[in-house]
Amino acid sequence: MKKKKLIAVLLSAAMVGGILAGCGGSGDSDKADSSDKKEATGKVYYLNFKPEQADQWVALAEKYTEETGVQVDVQTAASGTYESQLKSEMAKDEAPTLFQVNGPVGLATWKDYCYDLADSQIYKDVQSDDYVLKEGDEVKGIAYVIETYGIIYNKALLNKYFELDDAEIKSIDKLNNFDALKKVADGIQAHKDDLGVEGAFTSAGMDSSSDWRFKTHLANLPIYYEYTDKGIESTDAIEGTYLENYKNIWDLYITDSTCDASMISSKTGEDAASEFTLGEAVFYQNGTWAYNDIKDNEVADEDLGMLPIYIGAEGEEDQGLCTGSENYWCVNKNASEEDIQATLDFMTWVVESDEGREALANEMGFVTPFTTFADYLPSNPLVQANEEYTEAGKTPVTWNFTTMPSEEWKNGVGSALLEYAQGTGDWSTVETAFVDGWATEYAAANE
């Protein structure tokens, strides 16, 4: 039994697989080409969940193929389409050998496809069972990245606001609850010309590249507080106790913004990232993974900070950042024995080799749950922000995405949020999508 260890930092990664087997030819004319290579058997097909790391995974796969001769193919699903693409790819003769599920709910759909990793080296390398998905004694999935999200902020711009004569909040240590956040955001919006910004918050884009920030990540907060009140970890009937708080933070996002609320249907994740990196907004809801999009632009590393997402819940002054994982590697048990072994070998190489660890930690910016990464921590100021909250004794907000009943539920909430923002629907539509939609989708899943 592994020693349990709680980590309140994030991580993000994906992977691919390969294998070494056999020996090269023995003829004198072939010695120069085959002396250091083994004949490869088996191949790997990795369906990657994270578009933001697509290029890095392809590059890492090519490096592994060059080193071993093992074919590693990486395909990346477009944002918001992973589940549908996985279903499509699994129906093909050449199905993924390595794929991802988002937690227990995702595992319920794909558990019959998951190879038991209990005897694998990758399982031996994981820090504790806190980061695995089990069914009985079988290990069905292993998290490969621990991630953190909140409200990223520009310290330089925020300090300019603090220096205003009529600023109601004067320092970052006082910005520790929703009331304070609203005062600051309203003040920035009122003085946006003086501060040289377009708005307090980046645009709340509701296309598929951005809506997950609100229908999933932001929606996690009212779920977290309801679960905490009840002392539960999941439910088939959410009550929506904190939906008024959800409304308050959403109102703030779409009112104190770089754009009018009527425009968010056309705004993208790239728009929001650009607005923040160019210094057009002070606040940007996103996570540690966003550092790669921010760095080397207008905002210096030393000016990057991250706040918890405050919604007005009691005791939120002691709240930390949202930390967890919804990215679990699974190996397709229906693949050939050779392809399964190739995939397991590649996974091991990714988390044990210098090349793999360098790619995950420093190129992809992942914090991982593997014991092999002690000397490979990402140089990411947003990761450091999370460590500071942890050291201060703040309570991290648990990721409850894995208990959300379905992607259809998220889509329903997202559509209702957009209708409300555009004025084509009222908040009761969001409440219906959240509460009634939850019960409907859980019932459908159980059937």
Protein backbone atom coordinates (compact mmCIF):
# COMPACT_ATOMS: atom_id res chain seq x y z
CA MET A 1 0.00 0.00 0.00
CA LYS A 2 1.50 3.33 -0.96
CA LYS A 3 2.03 6.01 1.64
CA LYS A 4 -0.61 8.67 1.18
CA LYS A 5 0.69 12.12 0.51
CA LEU A 6 -1.35 15.22 -0.12
CA ILE A 7 -0.03 17.62 -2.74
CA ALA A 8 -1.72 21.00 -3.19
CA VAL A 9 -0.02 21.87 -6.41
CA LEU A 10 -1.03 21.31 -9.91
CA LEU A 11 0.11 19.45 -12.80
CA SER A 12 -0.64 18.83 -16.25
CA ALA A 13 0.63 16.29 -18.73
CA ALA A 14 -0.21 13.54 -21.20
CA MET A 15 1.79 10.73 -22.74
CA VAL A 16 2.49 8.22 -25.40
CA GLY A 17 4.07 4.78 -25.61
CA GLY A 18 6.77 2.64 -27.15
CA ILE A 19 8.70 -0.54 -26.68
CA LEU A 20 12.11 -2.05 -27.29
CA ALA A 21 12.47 -5.62 -28.42
CA GLY A 22 14.74 -7.89 -30.45
CA CYS A 23 18.18 -7.12 -31.92
CA GLY A 24 19.41 -5.60 -35.15
CA GLY A 25 20.98 -7.46 -38.07
CA SER A 26 24.44 -8.99 -37.80
CA GLY A 27 25.83 -8.46 -41.28
CA ASP A 28 28.97 -6.29 -41.48
CA SER A 29 27.28 -3.84 -43.84
CA ASP A 30 24.49 -3.29 -41.31
CA LYS A 31 26.54 -2.88 -38.15
CA ALA A 32 26.87 0.89 -38.32
CA ASP A 33 23.10 1.34 -38.55
CA SER A 34 21.93 -1.30 -36.08
CA SER A 35 24.57 -1.57 -33.38
CA ASP A 36 22.77 0.78 -30.97
CA LYS A 37 19.14 0.09 -31.94
CA LYS A 38 16.84 -2.76 -31.13
CA GLU A 39 14.14 -3.96 -33.42
CA ALA A 40 10.87 -2.47 -32.25
CA THR A 41 7.67 -4.45 -31.88
CA GLY A 42 4.37 -2.89 -31.05
CA LYS A 43 3.29 0.70 -31.55
CA VAL A 44 1.61 3.45 -29.60
CA TYR A 45 -1.35 5.66 -30.46
CA TYR A 46 -1.99 8.38 -27.88
CA LEU A 47 -5.19 10.42 -28.02
CA ASN A 48 -4.22 13.58 -26.14
CA PHE A 49 -6.76 15.63 -24.21
CA LYS A 50 -4.81 18.89 -23.93
CA PRO A 51 -4.63 21.09 -27.06
CA GLU A 52 -2.25 23.49 -25.32
CA GLN A 53 0.44 20.78 -25.19
CA ALA A 54 -0.21 19.22 -28.60
CA ASP A 55 3.07 20.29 -30.20
CA GLN A 56 5.17 19.24 -27.21
CA TRP A 57 3.65 15.76 -27.25
CA VAL A 58 4.35 15.32 -30.95
CA ALA A 59 7.95 16.42 -30.43
CA LEU A 60 8.38 14.06 -27.47
CA ALA A 61 6.90 11.17 -29.45
CA GLU A 62 9.33 11.84 -32.32
CA LYS A 63 12.24 11.88 -29.89
CA TYR A 64 11.20 8.51 -28.48
CA THR A 65 10.80 7.02 -31.96
CA GLU A 66 14.26 8.25 -32.95
CA GLU A 67 15.74 6.70 -29.82
CA THR A 68 13.94 3.34 -29.90
CA GLY A 69 12.50 2.81 -33.37
CA VAL A 70 9.03 2.44 -31.85
CA GLN A 71 6.21 4.14 -33.74
CA VAL A 72 4.36 6.65 -31.55
CA ASP A 73 1.43 8.52 -33.05
CA VAL A 74 -0.16 11.44 -31.19
CA GLN A 75 -3.52 12.91 -32.05
CA THR A 76 -5.03 15.79 -30.08
CA ALA A 77 -8.75 16.40 -29.77
CA ALA A 78 -10.01 19.93 -30.30
CA SER A 79 -11.07 21.73 -27.12
CA GLY A 80 -14.38 20.41 -25.80
CA THR A 81 -14.53 17.47 -28.21
CA TYR A 82 -12.43 14.82 -26.47
CA GLU A 83 -15.23 12.50 -25.38
CA SER A 84 -16.90 12.43 -28.79
CA GLN A 85 -13.58 11.92 -30.57
CA LEU A 86 -12.61 9.14 -28.19
CA LYS A 87 -15.86 7.33 -28.95
CA SER A 88 -15.21 7.71 -32.65
CA GLU A 89 -11.58 6.55 -32.44
CA MET A 90 -12.35 3.57 -30.21
CA ALA A 91 -14.71 2.24 -32.88
CA LYS A 92 -11.86 2.02 -35.41
CA ASP A 93 -9.57 -0.93 -36.08
CA GLU A 94 -6.55 1.21 -35.14
CA ALA A 95 -7.91 2.51 -31.83
CA PRO A 96 -5.89 4.55 -29.31
CA THR A 97 -3.65 2.43 -27.10
CA LEU A 98 -3.37 5.29 -24.62
CA PHE A 99 -6.28 7.59 -23.74
CA GLN A 100 -7.67 9.65 -20.87
CA VAL A 101 -10.68 9.76 -18.58
CA ASN A 102 -11.64 12.68 -16.35
CA GLY A 103 -12.20 10.71 -13.13
CA PRO A 104 -14.80 8.32 -11.70
CA VAL A 105 -17.61 9.50 -14.00
CA GLY A 106 -15.42 9.14 -17.07
CA LEU A 107 -14.16 5.78 -15.83
CA ALA A 108 -17.73 4.52 -15.53
CA THR A 109 -18.05 4.93 -19.30
CA TRP A 110 -14.65 3.47 -20.26
CA LYS A 111 -13.78 0.99 -17.49
CA ASP A 112 -14.35 -2.02 -19.75
CA TYR A 113 -11.62 -0.70 -22.03
CA CYS A 114 -9.03 -0.09 -19.30
CA TYR A 115 -6.05 -2.38 -18.84
CA ASP A 116 -5.17 -3.19 -15.22
CA LEU A 117 -2.06 -1.15 -14.38
CA ALA A 118 -1.55 -2.68 -10.94
CA ASP A 119 1.66 -4.49 -11.98
CA SER A 120 2.99 -1.71 -14.21
CA GLN A 121 6.09 0.37 -13.57
CA ILE A 122 4.08 3.56 -14.02
CA TYR A 123 1.96 2.57 -11.02
CA LYS A 124 5.08 1.88 -8.97
CA ASP A 125 6.24 5.42 -9.79
CA VAL A 126 3.08 7.23 -8.65
CA GLN A 127 3.29 8.85 -5.20
CA SER A 128 0.11 7.41 -3.72
CA ASP A 129 -3.29 5.97 -4.47
CA ASP A 130 -4.70 9.48 -4.12
CA TYR A 131 -3.79 9.82 -7.79
CA VAL A 132 -5.23 6.59 -9.21
CA LEU A 133 -8.63 5.29 -10.24
CA LYS A 134 -9.40 1.83 -8.93
CA GLU A 135 -12.11 -0.75 -9.35
CA GLY A 136 -11.57 -3.27 -6.61
CA ASP A 137 -7.88 -4.16 -6.70
CA GLU A 138 -7.52 -3.19 -10.37
CA VAL A 139 -5.80 0.07 -11.25
CA LYS A 140 -7.76 1.48 -14.17
CA GLY A 141 -6.24 4.95 -14.49
CA ILE A 142 -3.34 7.05 -13.21
CA ALA A 143 -3.30 10.85 -13.00
CA TYR A 144 -0.34 12.35 -14.84
CA VAL A 145 -0.69 16.00 -13.87
CA ILE A 146 -1.76 17.96 -10.81
CA GLU A 147 -3.13 21.36 -11.76
CA THR A 148 -4.22 24.53 -10.03
CA TYR A 149 -6.47 27.33 -11.16
CA GLY A 150 -7.87 30.60 -9.85
CA ILE A 151 -7.87 34.25 -10.88
CA ILE A 152 -4.51 35.13 -12.41
CA TYR A 153 -3.66 38.78 -11.89
CA ASN A 154 -1.16 41.38 -13.05
CA LYS A 155 0.63 42.66 -9.93
CA ALA A 156 1.87 45.83 -11.58
CA LEU A 157 -1.60 46.90 -12.72
CA LEU A 158 -3.21 45.89 -9.45
CA ASN A 159 -0.68 47.97 -7.53
CA LYS A 160 -1.56 50.96 -9.73
CA TYR A 161 -5.16 50.54 -8.62
CA PHE A 162 -4.14 50.26 -4.94
CA GLU A 163 -2.39 53.64 -5.27
CA LEU A 164 -5.54 55.44 -6.44
CA ASP A 165 -6.84 57.96 -3.91
CA ASP A 166 -10.33 56.47 -3.90
CA ALA A 167 -9.29 52.80 -3.96
CA GLU A 168 -11.39 50.98 -1.36
CA ILE A 169 -8.86 48.16 -1.06
CA LYS A 170 -5.23 49.18 -0.65
CA SER A 171 -3.23 45.94 -0.52
CA ILE A 172 -3.27 42.35 -1.76
CA ASP A 173 -3.61 40.91 1.75
CA LYS A 174 -7.01 42.64 2.05
CA LEU A 175 -8.17 41.10 -1.21
CA ASN A 176 -9.33 37.85 0.36
CA ASN A 177 -13.10 37.60 -0.15
CA PHE A 178 -15.79 38.31 -2.73
CA ASP A 179 -16.81 41.70 -1.32
CA ALA A 180 -13.22 42.91 -1.59
CA LEU A 181 -12.87 41.46 -5.09
CA LYS A 182 -16.01 43.26 -6.24
CA LYS A 183 -14.81 46.56 -4.81
CA VAL A 184 -11.48 46.19 -6.62
CA ALA A 185 -13.04 45.08 -9.93
CA ASP A 186 -15.64 47.86 -9.85
CA GLY A 187 -12.92 50.37 -9.04
CA ILE A 188 -10.70 49.21 -11.89
CA GLN A 189 -13.61 49.35 -14.30
CA ALA A 190 -14.43 52.89 -13.22
CA HIS A 191 -10.79 53.97 -13.63
CA LYS A 192 -9.90 51.86 -16.66
CA ASP A 193 -8.78 54.88 -18.67
CA ASP A 194 -6.58 56.10 -15.82
CA LEU A 195 -5.06 52.63 -15.47
CA GLY A 196 -4.64 52.10 -19.21
CA VAL A 197 -6.76 48.94 -19.36
CA GLU A 198 -9.87 47.84 -21.24
CA GLY A 199 -11.49 46.24 -18.23
CA ALA A 200 -10.93 44.52 -14.89
CA PHE A 201 -11.48 40.99 -16.26
CA THR A 202 -10.60 39.48 -19.60
CA SER A 203 -13.52 38.59 -21.86
CA ALA A 204 -15.57 35.60 -20.71
CA GLY A 205 -15.54 33.87 -24.09
CA MET A 206 -18.21 31.22 -24.52
CA ASP A 207 -16.96 29.37 -27.58
CA SER A 208 -15.56 25.85 -27.08
CA SER A 209 -12.00 27.12 -26.55
CA SER A 210 -13.05 29.12 -23.50
CA ASP A 211 -16.46 28.13 -22.10
CA TRP A 212 -15.00 25.28 -20.01
CA ARG A 213 -13.55 27.98 -17.73
CA PHE A 214 -17.08 28.83 -16.58
CA LYS A 215 -19.36 25.82 -17.17
CA THR A 216 -16.78 23.52 -15.52
CA HIS A 217 -14.07 25.36 -13.58
CA LEU A 218 -16.20 28.18 -12.20
CA ALA A 219 -19.14 25.80 -11.65
CA ASN A 220 -16.85 23.75 -9.40
CA LEU A 221 -17.05 26.41 -6.67
CA PRO A 222 -20.78 26.13 -5.81
CA ILE A 223 -20.45 22.35 -5.99
CA TYR A 224 -17.42 22.35 -3.69
CA TYR A 225 -19.14 24.42 -1.01
CA GLU A 226 -22.34 22.36 -1.15
CA TYR A 227 -20.34 19.15 -0.84
CA THR A 228 -18.34 20.64 2.05
CA ASP A 229 -21.48 21.66 3.93
CA LYS A 230 -22.95 18.17 3.54
CA GLY A 231 -19.71 16.26 4.10
CA ILE A 232 -20.15 14.37 0.83
CA GLU A 233 -17.95 13.69 -2.19
CA SER A 234 -20.65 13.25 -4.82
CA THR A 235 -24.41 13.26 -5.27
CA ASP A 236 -26.99 12.29 -7.85
CA ALA A 237 -29.13 15.31 -6.88
CA ILE A 238 -27.37 18.63 -6.43
CA GLU A 239 -29.48 21.24 -4.60
CA GLY A 240 -27.80 24.38 -5.90
CA THR A 241 -27.36 25.95 -2.46
CA TYR A 242 -24.65 28.29 -3.73
CA LEU A 243 -26.09 29.21 -7.12
CA GLU A 244 -26.70 32.80 -6.02
CA ASN A 245 -22.98 33.01 -5.29
CA TYR A 246 -22.29 31.56 -8.74
CA LYS A 247 -24.47 34.32 -10.20
CA ASN A 248 -22.58 37.02 -8.29
CA ILE A 249 -19.15 36.03 -9.59
CA TRP A 250 -20.50 35.51 -13.14
CA ASP A 251 -22.10 38.96 -13.04
CA LEU A 252 -18.75 40.42 -12.04
CA TYR A 253 -16.95 38.66 -14.89
CA ILE A 254 -19.35 39.87 -17.58
CA THR A 255 -19.87 43.40 -16.21
CA ASP A 256 -16.33 44.49 -15.23
CA SER A 257 -14.92 43.19 -18.48
CA THR A 258 -12.97 44.16 -21.57
CA CYS A 259 -16.10 43.67 -23.67
CA ASP A 260 -19.86 43.97 -23.47
CA ALA A 261 -21.68 40.87 -22.26
CA SER A 262 -23.53 40.66 -25.58
CA MET A 263 -20.23 39.90 -27.34
CA ILE A 264 -19.00 36.90 -25.36
CA SER A 265 -20.45 34.29 -27.72
CA SER A 266 -17.81 35.30 -30.28
CA LYS A 267 -14.92 35.65 -27.85
CA THR A 268 -12.34 32.87 -27.59
CA GLY A 269 -9.77 31.56 -25.17
CA GLU A 270 -7.11 33.15 -27.35
CA ASP A 271 -8.83 36.52 -27.01
CA ALA A 272 -8.75 36.29 -23.23
CA ALA A 273 -5.11 35.23 -23.14
CA SER A 274 -4.16 38.06 -25.49
CA GLU A 275 -6.03 40.66 -23.44
CA PHE A 276 -4.16 39.61 -20.32
CA THR A 277 -0.71 39.27 -21.86
CA LEU A 278 -1.02 42.71 -23.49
CA GLY A 279 -1.96 44.34 -20.19
CA GLU A 280 -5.52 45.15 -21.28
CA ALA A 281 -7.04 43.42 -18.23
CA VAL A 282 -5.96 42.94 -14.64
CA PHE A 283 -7.71 39.61 -13.92
CA TYR A 284 -7.88 36.37 -15.94
CA GLN A 285 -9.55 33.20 -14.68
CA ASN A 286 -7.34 30.30 -15.69
CA GLY A 287 -4.76 27.89 -14.33
CA THR A 288 -1.09 27.08 -14.09
CA TRP A 289 -1.20 25.61 -17.59
CA ALA A 290 -1.82 29.13 -18.95
CA TYR A 291 1.73 30.19 -18.12
CA ASN A 292 3.03 29.01 -21.49
CA ASP A 293 0.61 31.42 -23.20
CA ILE A 294 1.51 34.30 -20.89
CA LYS A 295 5.31 34.14 -20.63
CA ASP A 296 7.58 36.16 -22.91
CA ASN A 297 4.88 38.79 -23.48
CA GLU A 298 4.04 42.11 -21.82
CA VAL A 299 3.52 40.72 -18.30
CA ALA A 300 6.80 39.88 -16.56
CA ASP A 301 7.07 36.70 -14.50
CA GLU A 302 7.56 38.73 -11.33
CA ASP A 303 4.22 40.46 -11.99
CA LEU A 304 2.20 37.22 -12.15
CA GLY A 305 0.04 36.22 -9.21
CA MET A 306 -3.05 34.10 -8.64
CA LEU A 307 -6.03 34.65 -6.34
CA PRO A 308 -8.58 32.08 -5.18
CA ILE A 309 -11.96 32.41 -6.89
CA TYR A 310 -14.07 34.09 -4.22
CA ILE A 311 -17.86 33.71 -4.47
CA GLY A 312 -18.98 35.03 -1.08
CA ALA A 313 -19.05 31.74 0.83
CA GLU A 314 -18.61 31.80 4.58
CA GLY A 315 -14.99 31.33 5.62
CA GLU A 316 -13.57 31.90 2.15
CA GLU A 317 -10.83 34.10 3.62
CA ASP A 318 -9.09 30.81 4.44
CA GLN A 319 -9.65 29.37 0.96
CA GLY A 320 -6.74 28.40 -1.25
CA LEU A 321 -6.60 27.78 -4.97
CA CYS A 322 -8.50 25.05 -6.82
CA THR A 323 -6.17 22.05 -7.03
CA GLY A 324 -6.55 18.55 -8.42
CA SER A 325 -6.62 16.49 -11.58
CA GLU A 326 -9.15 15.39 -14.16
CA ASN A 327 -6.52 13.81 -16.42
CA TYR A 328 -6.02 10.09 -15.91
CA TRP A 329 -4.03 7.91 -18.32
CA CYS A 330 -5.66 4.65 -19.31
CA VAL A 331 -4.28 1.88 -21.52
CA ASN A 332 -6.62 0.18 -23.98
CA LYS A 333 -6.87 -3.47 -22.92
CA ASN A 334 -8.33 -4.38 -26.32
CA ALA A 335 -5.09 -3.46 -28.08
CA SER A 336 -2.67 -6.24 -29.03
CA GLU A 337 -0.26 -7.52 -26.39
CA GLU A 338 2.60 -5.94 -28.32
CA ASP A 339 0.91 -2.55 -28.47
CA ILE A 340 -0.03 -2.68 -24.78
CA GLN A 341 3.57 -3.42 -23.83
CA ALA A 342 4.83 -0.70 -26.17
CA THR A 343 2.48 1.78 -24.52
CA LEU A 344 3.52 0.78 -21.00
CA ASP A 345 7.18 1.12 -21.97
CA PHE A 346 6.63 4.55 -23.41
CA MET A 347 4.73 5.71 -20.32
CA THR A 348 7.63 4.58 -18.15
CA TRP A 349 10.12 6.41 -20.36
CA VAL A 350 8.08 9.61 -20.15
CA VAL A 351 8.16 9.70 -16.33
CA GLU A 352 11.65 8.25 -15.79
CA SER A 353 13.90 9.50 -18.59
CA ASP A 354 15.61 12.90 -18.56
CA GLU A 355 14.01 13.71 -21.91
CA GLY A 356 10.50 12.87 -20.73
CA ARG A 357 10.75 14.62 -17.38
CA GLU A 358 12.27 17.72 -18.94
CA ALA A 359 9.40 17.86 -21.45
CA LEU A 360 6.64 17.42 -18.86
CA ALA A 361 8.06 19.75 -16.22
CA ASN A 362 9.72 22.53 -18.18
CA GLU A 363 8.21 22.46 -21.66
CA MET A 364 4.62 21.55 -20.71
CA GLY A 365 4.84 23.10 -17.25
CA PHE A 366 3.29 20.14 -15.43
CA VAL A 367 3.43 19.33 -11.75
CA THR A 368 3.19 15.55 -11.60
CA PRO A 369 2.26 12.98 -8.95
CA PHE A 370 5.30 10.77 -9.71
CA THR A 371 8.18 10.14 -7.32
CA THR A 372 10.63 10.48 -10.21
CA PHE A 373 10.11 14.24 -10.53
CA ALA A 374 11.79 15.44 -7.31
CA ASP A 375 14.43 17.33 -9.33
CA TYR A 376 12.04 18.38 -12.09
CA LEU A 377 9.75 21.12 -10.82
CA PRO A 378 8.40 23.62 -13.35
CA SER A 379 9.78 27.16 -13.24
CA ASN A 380 6.26 28.58 -13.23
CA PRO A 381 5.34 31.59 -11.05
CA LEU A 382 1.72 30.40 -10.95
CA VAL A 383 2.86 27.14 -9.37
CA GLN A 384 4.79 29.19 -6.83
CA ALA A 385 1.62 31.17 -6.07
CA ASN A 386 -0.11 27.94 -5.13
CA GLU A 387 2.78 26.89 -2.92
CA GLU A 388 2.54 30.20 -1.06
CA TYR A 389 -1.15 29.59 -0.27
CA THR A 390 -0.30 26.08 0.90
CA GLU A 391 2.52 27.31 3.12
CA ALA A 392 0.14 29.90 4.59
CA GLY A 393 -2.19 27.08 5.65
CA LYS A 394 -5.00 27.90 3.22
CA THR A 395 -7.40 25.10 2.33
CA PRO A 396 -7.24 24.11 -1.34
CA VAL A 397 -10.55 23.79 -3.17
CA THR A 398 -11.08 20.23 -4.35
CA TRP A 399 -11.72 19.61 -8.03
CA ASN A 400 -15.17 18.07 -8.33
CA PHE A 401 -15.27 17.98 -12.14
CA THR A 402 -15.10 14.22 -11.96
CA THR A 403 -18.46 14.11 -10.18
CA MET A 404 -20.23 16.27 -12.76
CA PRO A 405 -22.71 13.90 -14.39
CA SER A 406 -21.80 14.37 -18.05
CA GLU A 407 -20.46 16.63 -20.76
CA GLU A 408 -24.08 17.26 -21.73
CA TRP A 409 -24.72 18.71 -18.26
CA LYS A 410 -21.78 21.10 -18.67
CA ASN A 411 -23.04 22.13 -22.10
CA GLY A 412 -26.49 22.84 -20.70
CA VAL A 413 -25.05 25.05 -17.97
CA GLY A 414 -22.82 26.82 -20.50
CA SER A 415 -25.72 27.55 -22.83
CA ALA A 416 -27.79 28.92 -19.95
CA LEU A 417 -24.92 31.14 -18.79
CA LEU A 418 -24.61 32.57 -22.30
CA GLU A 419 -28.35 33.19 -22.62
CA TYR A 420 -28.35 34.99 -19.29
CA ALA A 421 -25.34 37.13 -20.25
CA GLN A 422 -26.89 38.08 -23.57
CA GLY A 423 -30.27 38.89 -22.03
CA THR A 424 -32.11 36.15 -23.91
CA GLY A 425 -32.68 34.15 -20.72
CA ASP A 426 -32.90 34.83 -17.00
CA TRP A 427 -30.97 33.28 -14.11
CA SER A 428 -33.69 30.70 -13.49
CA THR A 429 -32.58 29.07 -16.75
CA VAL A 430 -29.13 28.56 -15.26
CA GLU A 431 -30.64 27.15 -12.06
CA THR A 432 -32.75 24.70 -14.06
CA ALA A 433 -29.80 23.56 -16.15
CA PHE A 434 -27.67 23.17 -13.04
CA VAL A 435 -30.10 21.36 -10.73
CA ASP A 436 -32.63 19.61 -12.96
CA GLY A 437 -30.01 18.88 -15.60
CA TRP A 438 -27.80 17.27 -12.96
CA ALA A 439 -30.54 14.89 -11.85
CA THR A 440 -31.50 14.04 -15.44
CA GLU A 441 -27.96 13.29 -16.53
CA TYR A 442 -27.17 11.25 -13.43
CA ALA A 443 -30.29 9.17 -14.00
CA ALA A 444 -29.32 8.63 -17.63
CA ALA A 445 -25.79 7.62 -16.62
CA ASN A 446 -27.11 5.11 -14.10
CA GLU A 447 -29.38 3.57 -16.69
